[in-house]
């Protein structure tokens, strides 16, 4: 194996944890989309997406949020720490 190939292989291996973490976070975001969609439609219908406005709206209505949505948001919150 030549030095250039070795360096490229090491760089790819070093980046692997970053890609796997991103995949896990994407999976959690998809769960939020699935579980929270009805809540967003019901509780935050007039809220424009972007800038965290939907999340803020859901948090303002956390007492009315479905269990599935609350669990998905909690899981994402733990993963961000």
PDB file of N, CA and C in Angstrom:
ATOM      1  N   UNK A   1       0.857  -1.171   0.000  1.00  0.00           N
ATOM      2  CA  UNK A   1       0.000   0.000   0.000  1.00  0.00           C
ATOM      3  C   UNK A   1       0.904   1.234   0.000  1.00  0.00           C
ATOM      4  N   UNK A   2       0.647   2.152  -0.884  1.00  0.00           N
ATOM      5  CA  UNK A   2       1.490   3.345  -0.951  1.00  0.00           C
ATOM      6  C   UNK A   2       1.057   4.363   0.103  1.00  0.00           C
ATOM      7  N   UNK A   3       1.920   5.319   0.429  1.00  0.00           N
ATOM      8  CA  UNK A   3       1.610   6.294   1.496  1.00  0.00           C
ATOM      9  C   UNK A   3       0.328   7.091   1.239  1.00  0.00           C
ATOM     10  N   UNK A   4       0.089   7.426   0.007  1.00  0.00           N
ATOM     11  CA  UNK A   4      -1.118   8.210  -0.310  1.00  0.00           C
ATOM     12  C   UNK A   4      -2.386   7.407   0.007  1.00  0.00           C
ATOM     13  N   UNK A   5      -2.400   6.150  -0.350  1.00  0.00           N
ATOM     14  CA  UNK A   5      -3.543   5.289  -0.074  1.00  0.00           C
ATOM     15  C   UNK A   5      -3.731   5.114   1.424  1.00  0.00           C
ATOM     16  N   UNK A   6      -2.634   4.974   2.161  1.00  0.00           N
ATOM     17  CA  UNK A   6      -2.692   4.823   3.615  1.00  0.00           C
ATOM     18  C   UNK A   6      -3.311   6.055   4.268  1.00  0.00           C
ATOM     19  N   UNK A   7      -2.874   7.222   3.846  1.00  0.00           N
ATOM     20  CA  UNK A   7      -3.404   8.470   4.398  1.00  0.00           C
ATOM     21  C   UNK A   7      -4.898   8.587   4.095  1.00  0.00           C
ATOM     22  N   UNK A   8      -5.282   8.255   2.882  1.00  0.00           N
ATOM     23  CA  UNK A   8      -6.701   8.315   2.493  1.00  0.00           C
ATOM     24  C   UNK A   8      -7.530   7.338   3.326  1.00  0.00           C
ATOM     25  N   UNK A   9      -7.022   6.132   3.525  1.00  0.00           N
ATOM     26  CA  UNK A   9      -7.729   5.139   4.319  1.00  0.00           C
ATOM     27  C   UNK A   9      -7.876   5.599   5.771  1.00  0.00           C
ATOM     28  N   UNK A  10      -6.808   6.148   6.350  1.00  0.00           N
ATOM     29  CA  UNK A  10      -6.872   6.644   7.723  1.00  0.00           C
ATOM     30  C   UNK A  10      -7.867   7.793   7.865  1.00  0.00           C
ATOM     31  N   UNK A  11      -7.893   8.665   6.884  1.00  0.00           N
ATOM     32  CA  UNK A  11      -8.845   9.787   6.911  1.00  0.00           C
ATOM     33  C   UNK A  11     -10.279   9.275   6.854  1.00  0.00           C
ATOM     34  N   UNK A  12     -10.535   8.270   6.039  1.00  0.00           N
ATOM     35  CA  UNK A  12     -11.879   7.705   5.937  1.00  0.00           C
ATOM     36  C   UNK A  12     -12.278   7.030   7.244  1.00  0.00           C
ATOM     37  N   UNK A  13     -11.360   6.296   7.857  1.00  0.00           N
ATOM     38  CA  UNK A  13     -11.659   5.626   9.125  1.00  0.00           C
ATOM     39  C   UNK A  13     -11.920   6.637  10.237  1.00  0.00           C
ATOM     40  N   UNK A  14     -11.177   7.732  10.244  1.00  0.00           N
ATOM     41  CA  UNK A  14     -11.377   8.766  11.264  1.00  0.00           C
ATOM     42  C   UNK A  14     -12.749   9.424  11.119  1.00  0.00           C
ATOM     43  N   UNK A  15     -13.245   9.512   9.898  1.00  0.00           N
ATOM     44  CA  UNK A  15     -14.536  10.161   9.651  1.00  0.00           C
ATOM     45  C   UNK A  15     -15.719   9.242   9.904  1.00  0.00           C
ATOM     46  N   UNK A  16     -15.510   7.962  10.019  1.00  0.00           N
ATOM     47  CA  UNK A  16     -16.609   7.010  10.186  1.00  0.00           C
ATOM     48  C   UNK A  16     -17.508   7.321  11.376  1.00  0.00           C
ATOM     49  N   UNK A  17     -16.981   7.606  12.576  1.00  0.00           N
ATOM     50  CA  UNK A  17     -17.892   7.912  13.690  1.00  0.00           C
ATOM     51  C   UNK A  17     -18.780   9.119  13.410  1.00  0.00           C
ATOM     52  N   UNK A  18     -18.261  10.100  12.712  1.00  0.00           N
ATOM     53  CA  UNK A  18     -19.063  11.284  12.392  1.00  0.00           C
ATOM     54  C   UNK A  18     -20.232  10.918  11.482  1.00  0.00           C
ATOM     55  N   UNK A  19     -19.973  10.050  10.525  1.00  0.00           N
ATOM     56  CA  UNK A  19     -21.046   9.640   9.630  1.00  0.00           C
ATOM     57  C   UNK A  19     -22.077   8.796  10.347  1.00  0.00           C
ATOM     58  N   UNK A  20     -21.643   7.911  11.232  1.00  0.00           N
ATOM     59  CA  UNK A  20     -22.599   7.068  11.932  1.00  0.00           C
ATOM     60  C   UNK A  20     -23.456   7.902  12.885  1.00  0.00           C
ATOM     61  N   UNK A  21     -22.868   8.899  13.539  1.00  0.00           N
ATOM     62  CA  UNK A  21     -23.643   9.774  14.412  1.00  0.00           C
ATOM     63  C   UNK A  21     -24.677  10.552  13.624  1.00  0.00           C
ATOM     64  N   UNK A  22     -24.309  10.987  12.439  1.00  0.00           N
ATOM     65  CA  UNK A  22     -25.242  11.711  11.594  1.00  0.00           C
ATOM     66  C   UNK A  22     -26.396  10.837  11.153  1.00  0.00           C
ATOM     67  N   UNK A  23     -26.094   9.579  10.880  1.00  0.00           N
ATOM     68  CA  UNK A  23     -27.139   8.652  10.470  1.00  0.00           C
ATOM     69  C   UNK A  23     -28.111   8.412  11.616  1.00  0.00           C
ATOM     70  N   UNK A  24     -27.580   8.295  12.818  1.00  0.00           N
ATOM     71  CA  UNK A  24     -28.441   8.087  13.987  1.00  0.00           C
ATOM     72  C   UNK A  24     -29.310   9.309  14.224  1.00  0.00           C
ATOM     73  N   UNK A  25     -28.716  10.480  14.110  1.00  0.00           N
ATOM     74  CA  UNK A  25     -29.505  11.693  14.315  1.00  0.00           C
ATOM     75  C   UNK A  25     -30.562  11.833  13.226  1.00  0.00           C
ATOM     76  N   UNK A  26     -30.220  11.469  12.006  1.00  0.00           N
ATOM     77  CA  UNK A  26     -31.201  11.537  10.921  1.00  0.00           C
ATOM     78  C   UNK A  26     -32.354  10.573  11.194  1.00  0.00           C
ATOM     79  N   UNK A  27     -32.031   9.407  11.747  1.00  0.00           N
ATOM     80  CA  UNK A  27     -33.055   8.434  12.109  1.00  0.00           C
ATOM     81  C   UNK A  27     -33.992   9.006  13.174  1.00  0.00           C
ATOM     82  N   UNK A  28     -33.413   9.695  14.161  1.00  0.00           N
ATOM     83  CA  UNK A  28     -34.214  10.294  15.225  1.00  0.00           C
ATOM     84  C   UNK A  28     -35.076  11.430  14.693  1.00  0.00           C
ATOM     85  N   UNK A  29     -34.520  12.213  13.768  1.00  0.00           N
ATOM     86  CA  UNK A  29     -35.312  13.289  13.164  1.00  0.00           C
ATOM     87  C   UNK A  29     -36.481  12.723  12.362  1.00  0.00           C
ATOM     88  N   UNK A  30     -36.240  11.604  11.698  1.00  0.00           N
ATOM     89  CA  UNK A  30     -37.324  10.964  10.940  1.00  0.00           C
ATOM     90  C   UNK A  30     -38.415  10.481  11.894  1.00  0.00           C
ATOM     91  N   UNK A  31     -38.018   9.964  13.056  1.00  0.00           N
ATOM     92  CA  UNK A  31     -39.003   9.534  14.058  1.00  0.00           C
ATOM     93  C   UNK A  31     -39.835  10.721  14.511  1.00  0.00           C
ATOM     94  N   UNK A  32     -39.183  11.867  14.698  1.00  0.00           N
ATOM     95  CA  UNK A  32     -39.916  13.071  15.103  1.00  0.00           C
ATOM     96  C   UNK A  32     -40.899  13.472  14.014  1.00  0.00           C
ATOM     97  N   UNK A  33     -40.457  13.411  12.757  1.00  0.00           N
ATOM     98  CA  UNK A  33     -41.372  13.749  11.658  1.00  0.00           C
ATOM     99  C   UNK A  33     -42.586  12.825  11.676  1.00  0.00           C
ATOM    100  N   UNK A  34     -42.343  11.538  11.906  1.00  0.00           N
ATOM    101  CA  UNK A  34     -43.447  10.564  11.902  1.00  0.00           C
ATOM    102  C   UNK A  34     -44.372  10.747  13.095  1.00  0.00           C
ATOM    103  N   UNK A  35     -43.794  10.821  14.289  1.00  0.00           N
ATOM    104  CA  UNK A  35     -44.605  10.864  15.508  1.00  0.00           C
ATOM    105  C   UNK A  35     -45.212  12.244  15.774  1.00  0.00           C
ATOM    106  N   UNK A  36     -44.544  13.290  15.333  1.00  0.00           N
ATOM    107  CA  UNK A  36     -45.000  14.639  15.674  1.00  0.00           C
ATOM    108  C   UNK A  36     -45.847  15.299  14.586  1.00  0.00           C
ATOM    109  N   UNK A  37     -45.902  14.708  13.415  1.00  0.00           N
ATOM    110  CA  UNK A  37     -46.649  15.340  12.324  1.00  0.00           C
ATOM    111  C   UNK A  37     -48.098  15.647  12.722  1.00  0.00           C
ATOM    112  N   UNK A  38     -48.826  14.694  13.301  1.00  0.00           N
ATOM    113  CA  UNK A  38     -50.205  15.027  13.698  1.00  0.00           C
ATOM    114  C   UNK A  38     -50.259  16.141  14.744  1.00  0.00           C
ATOM    115  N   UNK A  39     -49.292  16.144  15.667  1.00  0.00           N
ATOM    116  CA  UNK A  39     -49.260  17.189  16.693  1.00  0.00           C
ATOM    117  C   UNK A  39     -48.967  18.550  16.078  1.00  0.00           C
ATOM    118  N   UNK A  40     -48.042  18.574  15.141  1.00  0.00           N
ATOM    119  CA  UNK A  40     -47.716  19.843  14.481  1.00  0.00           C
ATOM    120  C   UNK A  40     -48.931  20.358  13.726  1.00  0.00           C
ATOM    121  N   UNK A  41     -49.612  19.464  13.017  1.00  0.00           N
ATOM    122  CA  UNK A  41     -50.803  19.871  12.269  1.00  0.00           C
ATOM    123  C   UNK A  41     -51.916  20.357  13.199  1.00  0.00           C
ATOM    124  N   UNK A  42     -52.030  19.733  14.355  1.00  0.00           N
ATOM    125  CA  UNK A  42     -53.102  20.067  15.295  1.00  0.00           C
ATOM    126  C   UNK A  42     -52.762  21.291  16.142  1.00  0.00           C
ATOM    127  N   UNK A  43     -51.527  21.351  16.655  1.00  0.00           N
ATOM    128  CA  UNK A  43     -51.164  22.386  17.627  1.00  0.00           C
ATOM    129  C   UNK A  43     -50.461  23.598  17.019  1.00  0.00           C
ATOM    130  N   UNK A  44     -49.818  23.407  15.872  1.00  0.00           N
ATOM    131  CA  UNK A  44     -48.966  24.468  15.313  1.00  0.00           C
ATOM    132  C   UNK A  44     -49.294  24.732  13.847  1.00  0.00           C
ATOM    133  N   UNK A  45     -50.546  24.618  13.492  1.00  0.00           N
ATOM    134  CA  UNK A  45     -50.960  24.733  12.090  1.00  0.00           C
ATOM    135  C   UNK A  45     -50.539  26.051  11.444  1.00  0.00           C
ATOM    136  N   UNK A  46     -50.589  27.143  12.158  1.00  0.00           N
ATOM    137  CA  UNK A  46     -50.278  28.436  11.565  1.00  0.00           C
ATOM    138  C   UNK A  46     -48.822  28.855  11.695  1.00  0.00           C
ATOM    139  N   UNK A  47     -47.975  27.974  12.223  1.00  0.00           N
ATOM    140  CA  UNK A  47     -46.574  28.330  12.462  1.00  0.00           C
ATOM    141  C   UNK A  47     -45.746  28.016  11.221  1.00  0.00           C
ATOM    142  N   UNK A  48     -44.981  29.009  10.789  1.00  0.00           N
ATOM    143  CA  UNK A  48     -44.112  28.832   9.620  1.00  0.00           C
ATOM    144  C   UNK A  48     -42.875  28.033  10.024  1.00  0.00           C
ATOM    145  N   UNK A  49     -42.539  26.974   9.274  1.00  0.00           N
ATOM    146  CA  UNK A  49     -41.357  26.169   9.592  1.00  0.00           C
ATOM    147  C   UNK A  49     -40.062  26.963   9.434  1.00  0.00           C
ATOM    148  N   UNK A  50     -39.058  26.546  10.192  1.00  0.00           N
ATOM    149  CA  UNK A  50     -37.737  27.172  10.108  1.00  0.00           C
ATOM    150  C   UNK A  50     -37.415  27.965  11.351  1.00  0.00           C
ATOM    151  N   UNK A  51     -36.145  28.028  11.655  1.00  0.00           N
ATOM    152  CA  UNK A  51     -35.690  28.817  12.789  1.00  0.00           C
ATOM    153  C   UNK A  51     -36.107  28.271  14.145  1.00  0.00           C
ATOM    154  N   UNK A  52     -36.499  27.000  14.186  1.00  0.00           N
ATOM    155  CA  UNK A  52     -36.898  26.410  15.455  1.00  0.00           C
ATOM    156  C   UNK A  52     -38.306  26.765  15.901  1.00  0.00           C
ATOM    157  N   UNK A  53     -39.081  27.387  15.008  1.00  0.00           N
ATOM    158  CA  UNK A  53     -40.429  27.833  15.389  1.00  0.00           C
ATOM    159  C   UNK A  53     -41.368  26.667  15.683  1.00  0.00           C
ATOM    160  N   UNK A  54     -41.268  25.595  14.912  1.00  0.00           N
ATOM    161  CA  UNK A  54     -42.132  24.432  15.146  1.00  0.00           C
ATOM    162  C   UNK A  54     -41.788  23.794  16.491  1.00  0.00           C
ATOM    163  N   UNK A  55     -40.506  23.620  16.744  1.00  0.00           N
ATOM    164  CA  UNK A  55     -40.082  23.036  18.019  1.00  0.00           C
ATOM    165  C   UNK A  55     -40.551  23.913  19.185  1.00  0.00           C
ATOM    166  N   UNK A  56     -40.394  25.224  19.055  1.00  0.00           N
ATOM    167  CA  UNK A  56     -40.848  26.142  20.102  1.00  0.00           C
ATOM    168  C   UNK A  56     -42.352  26.012  20.320  1.00  0.00           C
ATOM    169  N   UNK A  57     -43.091  25.910  19.240  1.00  0.00           N
ATOM    170  CA  UNK A  57     -44.542  25.763  19.341  1.00  0.00           C
ATOM    171  C   UNK A  57     -44.900  24.472  20.071  1.00  0.00           C
ATOM    172  N   UNK A  58     -44.235  23.378  19.694  1.00  0.00           N
ATOM    173  CA  UNK A  58     -44.505  22.105  20.362  1.00  0.00           C
ATOM    174  C   UNK A  58     -44.187  22.191  21.850  1.00  0.00           C
ATOM    175  N   UNK A  59     -43.086  22.853  22.190  1.00  0.00           N
ATOM    176  CA  UNK A  59     -42.718  22.959  23.596  1.00  0.00           C
ATOM    177  C   UNK A  59     -43.739  23.797  24.379  1.00  0.00           C
ATOM    178  N   UNK A  60     -44.335  24.802  23.734  1.00  0.00           N
ATOM    179  CA  UNK A  60     -45.373  25.605  24.385  1.00  0.00           C
ATOM    180  C   UNK A  60     -46.632  24.784  24.645  1.00  0.00           C
ATOM    181  N   UNK A  61     -46.823  23.745  23.829  1.00  0.00           N
ATOM    182  CA  UNK A  61     -48.004  22.890  23.948  1.00  0.00           C
ATOM    183  C   UNK A  61     -47.640  21.497  24.450  1.00  0.00           C
ATOM    184  N   UNK A  62     -46.581  21.394  25.231  1.00  0.00           N
ATOM    185  CA  UNK A  62     -46.107  20.066  25.630  1.00  0.00           C
ATOM    186  C   UNK A  62     -47.136  19.286  26.436  1.00  0.00           C
ATOM    187  N   UNK A  63     -48.016  19.972  27.128  1.00  0.00           N
ATOM    188  CA  UNK A  63     -49.057  19.282  27.895  1.00  0.00           C
ATOM    189  C   UNK A  63     -50.103  18.630  26.975  1.00  0.00           C
ATOM    190  N   UNK A  64     -50.204  19.121  25.748  1.00  0.00           N
ATOM    191  CA  UNK A  64     -51.179  18.600  24.793  1.00  0.00           C
ATOM    192  C   UNK A  64     -50.535  17.666  23.771  1.00  0.00           C
ATOM    193  N   UNK A  65     -49.227  17.529  23.822  1.00  0.00           N
ATOM    194  CA  UNK A  65     -48.472  16.731  22.860  1.00  0.00           C
ATOM    195  C   UNK A  65     -48.732  15.233  23.081  1.00  0.00           C
ATOM    196  N   UNK A  66     -48.729  14.474  21.999  1.00  0.00           N
ATOM    197  CA  UNK A  66     -48.906  13.031  22.117  1.00  0.00           C
ATOM    198  C   UNK A  66     -47.679  12.400  22.779  1.00  0.00           C
ATOM    199  N   UNK A  67     -47.869  11.234  23.346  1.00  0.00           N
ATOM    200  CA  UNK A  67     -46.785  10.535  24.026  1.00  0.00           C
ATOM    201  C   UNK A  67     -45.656  10.201  23.038  1.00  0.00           C
ATOM    202  N   UNK A  68     -46.017   9.730  21.855  1.00  0.00           N
ATOM    203  CA  UNK A  68     -45.001   9.364  20.856  1.00  0.00           C
ATOM    204  C   UNK A  68     -44.135  10.539  20.454  1.00  0.00           C
ATOM    205  N   UNK A  69     -44.740  11.680  20.257  1.00  0.00           N
ATOM    206  CA  UNK A  69     -43.996  12.884  19.889  1.00  0.00           C
ATOM    207  C   UNK A  69     -43.091  13.320  21.038  1.00  0.00           C
ATOM    208  N   UNK A  70     -43.615  13.314  22.237  1.00  0.00           N
ATOM    209  CA  UNK A  70     -42.819  13.709  23.398  1.00  0.00           C
ATOM    210  C   UNK A  70     -41.609  12.799  23.571  1.00  0.00           C
ATOM    211  N   UNK A  71     -41.798  11.492  23.374  1.00  0.00           N
ATOM    212  CA  UNK A  71     -40.684  10.557  23.501  1.00  0.00           C
ATOM    213  C   UNK A  71     -39.651  10.773  22.408  1.00  0.00           C
ATOM    214  N   UNK A  72     -40.085  11.029  21.192  1.00  0.00           N
ATOM    215  CA  UNK A  72     -39.154  11.269  20.088  1.00  0.00           C
ATOM    216  C   UNK A  72     -38.337  12.533  20.339  1.00  0.00           C
ATOM    217  N   UNK A  73     -38.972  13.584  20.821  1.00  0.00           N
ATOM    218  CA  UNK A  73     -38.256  14.824  21.132  1.00  0.00           C
ATOM    219  C   UNK A  73     -37.275  14.614  22.282  1.00  0.00           C
ATOM    220  N   UNK A  74     -37.673  13.849  23.277  1.00  0.00           N
ATOM    221  CA  UNK A  74     -36.804  13.575  24.422  1.00  0.00           C
ATOM    222  C   UNK A  74     -35.575  12.791  23.978  1.00  0.00           C
ATOM    223  N   UNK A  75     -35.754  11.817  23.095  1.00  0.00           N
ATOM    224  CA  UNK A  75     -34.643  11.013  22.597  1.00  0.00           C
ATOM    225  C   UNK A  75     -33.656  11.879  21.826  1.00  0.00           C
ATOM    226  N   UNK A  76     -34.169  12.787  21.010  1.00  0.00           N
ATOM    227  CA  UNK A  76     -33.299  13.681  20.248  1.00  0.00           C
ATOM    228  C   UNK A  76     -32.545  14.607  21.189  1.00  0.00           C
ATOM    229  N   UNK A  77     -33.228  15.098  22.215  1.00  0.00           N
ATOM    230  CA  UNK A  77     -32.605  16.000  23.188  1.00  0.00           C
ATOM    231  C   UNK A  77     -31.439  15.305  23.890  1.00  0.00           C
ATOM    232  N   UNK A  78     -31.612  14.028  24.257  1.00  0.00           N
ATOM    233  CA  UNK A  78     -30.540  13.265  24.894  1.00  0.00           C
ATOM    234  C   UNK A  78     -29.370  13.053  23.949  1.00  0.00           C
ATOM    235  N   UNK A  79     -29.661  12.820  22.676  1.00  0.00           N
ATOM    236  CA  UNK A  79     -28.610  12.590  21.696  1.00  0.00           C
ATOM    237  C   UNK A  79     -27.786  13.840  21.431  1.00  0.00           C
ATOM    238  N   UNK A  80     -28.385  15.018  21.590  1.00  0.00           N
ATOM    239  CA  UNK A  80     -27.672  16.272  21.347  1.00  0.00           C
ATOM    240  C   UNK A  80     -26.667  16.586  22.440  1.00  0.00           C
ATOM    241  N   UNK A  81     -26.817  15.995  23.625  1.00  0.00           N
ATOM    242  CA  UNK A  81     -25.925  16.272  24.743  1.00  0.00           C
ATOM    243  C   UNK A  81     -24.582  15.614  24.587  1.00  0.00           C
TER     244      UNK A  81
END
